[in-house]
Amino acid sequence: MSTTSCLVLPGIQAFAGDLGLVADTLVRIELFDWCAFETSARWALEAVRRAHPVLRKEICKAGKEISKVGLLNNMRFEFCRENDITHLWAALDESGSLLVAPEGVVIRDEARRDSLLHVALANRGKNADKQVAWLLSRPGAGRASQALNLARQTALHFCARYGKYKAARHILKFPGVHVDATDHYETTPLIEAVREEHPAMVRELLKARANPNAFVPNCHGHGDTPLILAVRLRNEELVRLLLEAPGINVHQKSIIDVPFGKDALDFAPEKGRLRVALEEFVAHQKECQDARPQPLDDQVTAPELNMDKMVMGSKDSHSLNTCCGDGLTGLKMVLRVTTSRLSDKMLL
């Protein structure tokens, strides 16, 4: 440590001992600046933590009204929509949890039943991604990521709609998160990501083993699968991503159990790279299927053989381990007879 640092440090530490001064200084900057200051030294961390109650009071400036649950909840969502992370922190409890203590339920908007994660994921502009990352680091984020709004959409649906693939990667690590959760319209996050044409999001969901054959019916016409939707959107990049997914069914129909349902190839343009990609995939699948060894039509199977009778040539039943007159066991005789029969059929 330099001499200059040694002279300055005691003065800074003295500043840290004055809670009022610390709070008055920190209230003029943003939450992420506090976090950077906290990591500079242990005494800085302790000073900021001690100043938290004063900071909350100074930031909110709501006096007695802050105790009203309805107003407090509205404030949280107002700050969240404005990407005002500092004020949002002040409106949460001391732990910064996204759950309401002591009930342990997820904090929700009264109108659409959105969680703070839903709202933050729909935001754009400065600090939008920082706010999402901060909320995902808060206690209760795992529970909040599974919360359903009025349309039964999860935070993962919102990630898919707005292309927040980094947030989705974090959410998918929480236990209990269902990658193929369906909303009121039976839409999965993967179908939503394809519909909004977010390749990075589609890639992230497929990596998490999202169902590439999810189906959304439509009472007015053809339904959609991720692949059919990508073809109808003429998005070659998405089509190729989906064709790489294990278990993809290119022949899945747009209408179930009717003769006039269409598959992805039926929706493809007559010419072009998109159609070529689909046709090459179908041809490759057929080649792989043809290369598989096929059983002989008249192959003798084990259930058709009465091995004891074959060995003895009579109705008597003997063990396969019983020796015959020439010293061969029944099992060896069965093998010899079966081989002889197959040879005769091959000659014919």
Protein backbone atom coordinates (compact mmCIF):
# COMPACT_ATOMS: atom_id res chain seq x y z
CA MET A 1 0.00 0.00 0.00
CA SER A 2 1.38 3.43 -0.89
CA THR A 3 2.01 6.25 1.63
CA THR A 4 -0.71 8.34 0.05
CA SER A 5 -3.23 5.49 0.46
CA CYS A 6 -2.29 5.15 4.13
CA LEU A 7 -2.98 8.84 4.72
CA VAL A 8 -6.30 8.87 2.85
CA LEU A 9 -7.76 5.60 4.18
CA PRO A 10 -8.30 6.74 7.82
CA GLY A 11 -10.30 9.73 6.55
CA ILE A 12 -12.53 7.50 4.42
CA GLN A 13 -13.10 5.13 7.32
CA ALA A 14 -14.05 8.06 9.51
CA PHE A 15 -16.61 9.05 6.87
CA ALA A 16 -17.97 5.48 6.96
CA GLY A 17 -18.67 5.84 10.68
CA ASP A 18 -21.17 8.66 10.07
CA LEU A 19 -24.38 6.89 8.99
CA GLY A 20 -26.14 10.11 8.10
CA LEU A 21 -23.29 11.20 5.85
CA VAL A 22 -23.04 7.77 4.23
CA ALA A 23 -26.77 7.67 3.54
CA ASP A 24 -26.79 11.24 2.21
CA THR A 25 -23.96 10.34 -0.17
CA LEU A 26 -25.34 7.01 -1.38
CA VAL A 27 -28.85 8.33 -1.97
CA ARG A 28 -27.42 10.49 -4.76
CA ILE A 29 -26.11 7.49 -6.71
CA GLU A 30 -27.62 4.23 -7.95
CA LEU A 31 -27.80 0.78 -6.42
CA PHE A 32 -25.08 -0.68 -8.63
CA ASP A 33 -22.69 2.04 -7.46
CA TRP A 34 -23.34 0.99 -3.88
CA CYS A 35 -22.56 -2.60 -4.82
CA ALA A 36 -19.26 -1.53 -6.37
CA PHE A 37 -18.45 0.49 -3.22
CA GLU A 38 -19.31 -2.52 -1.01
CA THR A 39 -16.75 -4.69 -2.79
CA SER A 40 -13.93 -2.19 -2.24
CA ALA A 41 -13.32 -3.13 1.42
CA ARG A 42 -14.91 -4.88 4.37
CA TRP A 43 -15.53 -1.62 6.22
CA ALA A 44 -17.28 -0.24 3.12
CA LEU A 45 -19.58 -3.27 3.03
CA GLU A 46 -20.42 -2.85 6.72
CA ALA A 47 -21.00 0.90 6.31
CA VAL A 48 -23.45 0.46 3.43
CA ARG A 49 -25.31 -2.35 5.21
CA ARG A 50 -25.67 -0.23 8.35
CA ALA A 51 -27.02 2.61 6.24
CA HIS A 52 -29.76 0.50 4.60
CA PRO A 53 -32.64 1.53 6.93
CA VAL A 54 -31.80 5.23 6.56
CA LEU A 55 -31.45 4.82 2.80
CA ARG A 56 -34.88 3.20 2.51
CA LYS A 57 -36.48 6.03 4.41
CA GLU A 58 -34.71 8.68 2.37
CA ILE A 59 -35.44 7.02 -0.99
CA CYS A 60 -39.09 6.20 -0.53
CA LYS A 61 -40.04 9.38 1.37
CA ALA A 62 -43.47 7.92 1.88
CA GLY A 63 -43.70 8.23 5.65
CA LYS A 64 -46.62 6.32 7.16
CA GLU A 65 -48.16 5.58 3.74
CA ILE A 66 -45.42 3.08 2.99
CA SER A 67 -47.04 0.70 5.47
CA LYS A 68 -50.18 0.43 3.35
CA VAL A 69 -49.89 -2.85 1.45
CA GLY A 70 -51.79 -1.71 -1.65
CA LEU A 71 -49.71 1.46 -2.07
CA LEU A 72 -46.47 -0.37 -1.39
CA ASN A 73 -47.30 -3.00 -4.02
CA ASN A 74 -48.17 -0.33 -6.61
CA MET A 75 -44.90 1.46 -5.86
CA ARG A 76 -42.91 -1.71 -6.47
CA PHE A 77 -44.40 -2.23 -9.91
CA GLU A 78 -44.14 1.46 -10.81
CA PHE A 79 -40.43 1.43 -10.01
CA CYS A 80 -39.98 -1.84 -11.89
CA ARG A 81 -41.67 -0.51 -15.05
CA GLU A 82 -39.35 2.53 -14.93
CA ASN A 83 -36.25 0.33 -14.52
CA ASP A 84 -35.62 2.23 -11.28
CA ILE A 85 -33.67 -0.47 -9.47
CA THR A 86 -32.65 1.75 -6.55
CA HIS A 87 -36.21 2.69 -5.62
CA LEU A 88 -37.38 -0.88 -6.25
CA TRP A 89 -34.79 -2.11 -3.76
CA ALA A 90 -36.09 0.38 -1.20
CA ALA A 91 -39.69 -0.79 -1.72
CA LEU A 92 -38.80 -4.44 -1.11
CA ASP A 93 -38.20 -5.84 2.35
CA GLU A 94 -34.80 -5.96 4.04
CA SER A 95 -33.87 -9.22 2.31
CA GLY A 96 -34.81 -7.87 -1.12
CA SER A 97 -37.02 -10.92 -1.60
CA LEU A 98 -39.54 -11.21 -4.43
CA LEU A 99 -41.87 -13.03 -2.02
CA VAL A 100 -44.23 -11.50 0.51
CA ALA A 101 -43.20 -12.50 4.01
CA PRO A 102 -44.42 -14.23 6.10
CA GLU A 103 -46.96 -15.71 3.66
CA GLY A 104 -44.22 -16.66 1.20
CA VAL A 105 -46.37 -15.84 -1.86
CA VAL A 106 -45.00 -14.16 -4.97
CA ILE A 107 -45.47 -10.37 -5.19
CA ARG A 108 -47.98 -9.77 -8.03
CA ASP A 109 -49.56 -6.95 -9.95
CA GLU A 110 -53.27 -6.74 -9.11
CA ALA A 111 -54.44 -6.18 -12.69
CA ARG A 112 -52.68 -8.88 -14.75
CA ARG A 113 -51.27 -10.96 -11.87
CA ASP A 114 -47.78 -10.44 -13.28
CA SER A 115 -44.77 -10.96 -11.04
CA LEU A 116 -41.96 -8.40 -10.91
CA LEU A 117 -40.05 -10.74 -13.23
CA HIS A 118 -42.85 -10.61 -15.81
CA VAL A 119 -42.78 -6.81 -15.76
CA ALA A 120 -38.99 -6.51 -15.83
CA LEU A 121 -38.66 -8.95 -18.74
CA ALA A 122 -41.11 -6.88 -20.80
CA ASN A 123 -39.11 -3.70 -20.22
CA ARG A 124 -36.75 -2.08 -22.69
CA GLY A 125 -34.29 0.76 -22.44
CA LYS A 126 -31.51 1.67 -20.04
CA ASN A 127 -30.95 -0.69 -17.11
CA ALA A 128 -33.65 -3.12 -18.33
CA ASP A 129 -31.28 -6.10 -18.55
CA LYS A 130 -29.49 -5.06 -15.34
CA GLN A 131 -32.82 -5.00 -13.50
CA VAL A 132 -33.70 -8.51 -14.74
CA ALA A 133 -30.28 -9.82 -13.67
CA TRP A 134 -30.65 -8.18 -10.25
CA LEU A 135 -34.15 -9.59 -9.71
CA LEU A 136 -32.95 -13.08 -10.65
CA SER A 137 -30.31 -12.82 -7.93
CA ARG A 138 -32.89 -11.97 -5.24
CA PRO A 139 -34.35 -14.45 -2.73
CA GLY A 140 -37.56 -15.96 -4.09
CA ALA A 141 -36.54 -15.60 -7.75
CA GLY A 142 -37.02 -19.35 -8.32
CA ARG A 143 -40.61 -19.20 -7.08
CA ALA A 144 -41.29 -16.01 -9.02
CA SER A 145 -40.01 -17.57 -12.24
CA GLN A 146 -42.71 -20.27 -11.97
CA ALA A 147 -45.56 -17.86 -11.20
CA LEU A 148 -48.42 -17.75 -13.73
CA ASN A 149 -50.14 -14.53 -14.74
CA LEU A 150 -53.79 -14.31 -15.86
CA ALA A 151 -52.89 -15.84 -19.24
CA ARG A 152 -51.03 -18.66 -17.43
CA GLN A 153 -47.74 -17.40 -18.84
CA THR A 154 -44.51 -17.93 -16.94
CA ALA A 155 -41.39 -15.77 -16.90
CA LEU A 156 -39.99 -18.16 -19.51
CA HIS A 157 -42.85 -17.23 -21.88
CA PHE A 158 -41.84 -13.57 -21.46
CA CYS A 159 -38.18 -14.41 -22.10
CA ALA A 160 -39.28 -16.10 -25.33
CA ARG A 161 -41.50 -13.20 -26.40
CA TYR A 162 -38.87 -10.51 -25.80
CA GLY A 163 -35.79 -12.51 -26.72
CA LYS A 164 -34.21 -12.45 -23.25
CA TYR A 165 -32.12 -15.59 -23.76
CA LYS A 166 -29.58 -14.77 -21.03
CA ALA A 167 -32.36 -14.46 -18.47
CA ALA A 168 -33.87 -17.71 -19.77
CA ARG A 169 -30.54 -19.48 -19.28
CA HIS A 170 -30.57 -18.37 -15.62
CA ILE A 171 -34.24 -19.25 -15.10
CA LEU A 172 -33.81 -22.74 -16.55
CA LYS A 173 -31.30 -23.50 -13.77
CA PHE A 174 -33.95 -23.04 -11.06
CA PRO A 175 -35.43 -26.33 -9.81
CA GLY A 176 -39.03 -26.97 -10.83
CA VAL A 177 -39.04 -24.73 -13.92
CA HIS A 178 -40.99 -26.44 -16.71
CA VAL A 179 -39.46 -25.71 -20.11
CA ASP A 180 -42.66 -26.82 -21.91
CA ALA A 181 -45.17 -24.96 -19.72
CA THR A 182 -48.30 -24.07 -21.69
CA ASP A 183 -50.40 -20.92 -21.38
CA HIS A 184 -54.16 -20.54 -21.93
CA TYR A 185 -53.63 -20.95 -25.69
CA GLU A 186 -51.45 -24.09 -25.23
CA THR A 187 -48.42 -22.11 -26.40
CA THR A 188 -45.03 -23.23 -25.06
CA PRO A 189 -42.03 -20.90 -24.68
CA LEU A 190 -40.44 -22.55 -27.74
CA ILE A 191 -43.45 -21.81 -29.94
CA GLU A 192 -43.47 -18.24 -28.61
CA ALA A 193 -39.76 -17.81 -29.40
CA VAL A 194 -40.26 -19.13 -32.95
CA ARG A 195 -43.29 -16.89 -33.47
CA GLU A 196 -41.26 -13.83 -32.43
CA GLU A 197 -38.26 -15.09 -34.47
CA HIS A 198 -35.58 -15.07 -31.75
CA PRO A 199 -32.92 -17.62 -32.87
CA ALA A 200 -30.78 -17.28 -29.72
CA MET A 201 -33.83 -17.94 -27.55
CA VAL A 202 -34.85 -20.93 -29.67
CA ARG A 203 -31.32 -22.33 -29.37
CA GLU A 204 -31.37 -21.90 -25.56
CA LEU A 205 -34.73 -23.69 -25.20
CA LEU A 206 -33.71 -26.56 -27.47
CA LYS A 207 -30.53 -26.94 -25.43
CA ALA A 208 -32.80 -27.36 -22.38
CA ARG A 209 -34.65 -30.17 -24.25
CA ALA A 210 -37.80 -28.22 -25.08
CA ASN A 211 -40.27 -30.32 -27.08
CA PRO A 212 -39.68 -29.52 -30.79
CA ASN A 213 -43.00 -31.16 -31.68
CA ALA A 214 -45.25 -29.12 -29.37
CA PHE A 215 -48.61 -28.48 -31.03
CA VAL A 216 -50.96 -25.51 -30.78
CA PRO A 217 -54.41 -26.27 -32.27
CA ASN A 218 -56.47 -23.67 -34.08
CA CYS A 219 -60.25 -24.04 -34.34
CA HIS A 220 -60.27 -21.77 -37.44
CA GLY A 221 -57.72 -23.66 -39.52
CA HIS A 222 -54.27 -25.17 -39.41
CA GLY A 223 -52.53 -25.42 -36.06
CA ASP A 224 -48.83 -24.85 -35.49
CA THR A 225 -45.75 -26.74 -34.41
CA PRO A 226 -42.43 -24.92 -34.00
CA LEU A 227 -41.26 -26.30 -37.37
CA ILE A 228 -44.47 -25.55 -39.27
CA LEU A 229 -44.47 -22.03 -37.80
CA ALA A 230 -40.83 -21.45 -38.81
CA VAL A 231 -41.60 -22.65 -42.35
CA ARG A 232 -44.66 -20.43 -42.63
CA LEU A 233 -42.52 -17.49 -41.47
CA ARG A 234 -39.96 -18.40 -44.18
CA ASN A 235 -37.21 -18.28 -41.54
CA GLU A 236 -34.47 -20.60 -42.78
CA GLU A 237 -32.27 -20.13 -39.70
CA LEU A 238 -35.04 -21.28 -37.36
CA VAL A 239 -35.94 -24.18 -39.64
CA ARG A 240 -32.34 -25.44 -39.61
CA LEU A 241 -32.12 -25.05 -35.82
CA LEU A 242 -35.28 -27.12 -35.36
CA LEU A 243 -34.17 -29.80 -37.83
CA GLU A 244 -31.12 -30.36 -35.60
CA ALA A 245 -33.31 -31.04 -32.55
CA PRO A 246 -33.39 -34.69 -31.43
CA GLY A 247 -36.77 -36.29 -32.11
CA ILE A 248 -38.04 -33.65 -34.52
CA ASN A 249 -41.01 -34.93 -36.52
CA VAL A 250 -41.07 -33.30 -39.97
CA HIS A 251 -44.22 -35.22 -40.88
CA GLN A 252 -46.34 -33.91 -38.01
CA LYS A 253 -49.66 -32.62 -39.32
CA SER A 254 -51.18 -29.19 -38.83
CA ILE A 255 -54.57 -30.72 -38.03
CA ILE A 256 -54.81 -33.90 -35.98
CA ASP A 257 -56.73 -37.00 -37.16
CA VAL A 258 -58.03 -35.55 -40.43
CA PRO A 259 -56.95 -36.44 -44.01
CA PHE A 260 -56.35 -32.84 -45.10
CA GLY A 261 -53.77 -31.94 -42.45
CA LYS A 262 -50.47 -30.59 -43.80
CA ASP A 263 -46.88 -31.09 -42.70
CA ALA A 264 -43.97 -28.62 -42.79
CA LEU A 265 -43.00 -29.53 -46.37
CA ASP A 266 -46.54 -28.73 -47.57
CA PHE A 267 -46.16 -25.17 -46.27
CA ALA A 268 -42.71 -24.66 -47.82
CA PRO A 269 -42.27 -22.60 -51.00
CA GLU A 270 -41.90 -24.65 -54.20
CA LYS A 271 -38.30 -23.54 -54.68
CA GLY A 272 -35.52 -22.11 -52.58
CA ARG A 273 -33.07 -23.01 -49.83
CA LEU A 274 -35.75 -23.54 -47.21
CA ARG A 275 -37.44 -26.27 -49.25
CA VAL A 276 -34.07 -27.82 -50.09
CA ALA A 277 -33.22 -28.00 -46.36
CA LEU A 278 -36.46 -29.85 -45.62
CA GLU A 279 -36.16 -32.22 -48.59
CA GLU A 280 -32.57 -33.06 -47.73
CA PHE A 281 -33.56 -33.82 -44.15
CA VAL A 282 -36.44 -36.08 -45.26
CA ALA A 283 -34.14 -37.88 -47.73
CA HIS A 284 -31.49 -38.36 -45.04
CA GLN A 285 -34.08 -39.80 -42.66
CA LYS A 286 -35.21 -42.26 -45.35
CA GLU A 287 -31.61 -43.33 -46.04
CA CYS A 288 -31.03 -43.98 -42.34
CA GLN A 289 -34.24 -46.00 -42.14
CA ASP A 290 -33.36 -48.05 -45.23
CA ALA A 291 -29.89 -48.77 -43.83
CA ARG A 292 -31.30 -50.45 -40.74
CA PRO A 293 -31.15 -54.29 -40.88
CA GLN A 294 -34.56 -55.74 -41.65
CA PRO A 295 -35.66 -59.13 -40.22
CA LEU A 296 -36.24 -62.00 -42.70
CA ASP A 297 -39.92 -62.46 -43.53
CA ASP A 298 -39.79 -66.23 -42.98
CA GLN A 299 -37.17 -66.20 -40.24
CA VAL A 300 -37.82 -68.88 -37.66
CA THR A 301 -38.44 -67.28 -34.30
CA ALA A 302 -37.92 -68.84 -30.92
CA PRO A 303 -41.62 -69.03 -29.92
CA GLU A 304 -42.38 -71.06 -33.09
CA LEU A 305 -39.91 -73.81 -32.16
CA ASN A 306 -40.78 -76.60 -29.78
CA MET A 307 -37.18 -77.40 -29.08
CA ASP A 308 -37.73 -80.60 -27.08
CA LYS A 309 -39.92 -82.08 -29.83
CA MET A 310 -37.42 -81.07 -32.52
CA VAL A 311 -34.66 -82.88 -30.68
CA MET A 312 -36.53 -86.09 -29.95
CA GLY A 313 -38.81 -86.16 -33.00
CA SER A 314 -41.67 -87.38 -30.82
CA LYS A 315 -44.33 -86.17 -28.44
CA ASP A 316 -42.12 -86.92 -25.48
CA SER A 317 -40.79 -83.85 -23.69
CA HIS A 318 -37.16 -83.98 -22.58
CA SER A 319 -34.75 -81.46 -21.21
CA LEU A 320 -32.48 -79.65 -23.63
CA ASN A 321 -29.56 -80.87 -21.52
CA THR A 322 -30.49 -84.53 -22.08
CA CYS A 323 -27.91 -86.38 -24.19
CA CYS A 324 -29.10 -88.22 -27.30
CA GLY A 325 -27.68 -91.41 -28.69
CA ASP A 326 -24.78 -89.69 -30.48
CA GLY A 327 -23.76 -87.83 -27.32
CA LEU A 328 -25.14 -84.44 -28.38
CA THR A 329 -27.23 -82.45 -25.95
CA GLY A 330 -30.67 -81.21 -26.98
CA LEU A 331 -29.43 -77.62 -27.23
CA LYS A 332 -26.70 -78.55 -29.73
CA MET A 333 -29.21 -80.49 -31.76
CA VAL A 334 -31.54 -77.46 -31.91
CA LEU A 335 -28.72 -75.28 -33.21
CA ARG A 336 -27.81 -77.88 -35.85
CA VAL A 337 -31.43 -78.29 -37.04
CA THR A 338 -32.05 -74.48 -37.14
CA THR A 339 -28.86 -73.89 -39.15
CA SER A 340 -29.84 -76.61 -41.60
CA ARG A 341 -33.31 -75.11 -42.14
CA LEU A 342 -31.95 -71.61 -42.78
CA SER A 343 -29.40 -73.00 -45.28
CA ASP A 344 -32.14 -74.81 -47.20
CA LYS A 345 -34.21 -71.59 -47.44
CA MET A 346 -31.25 -69.58 -48.70
CA LEU A 347 -30.61 -72.16 -51.46
CA LEU A 348 -34.25 -71.95 -52.54
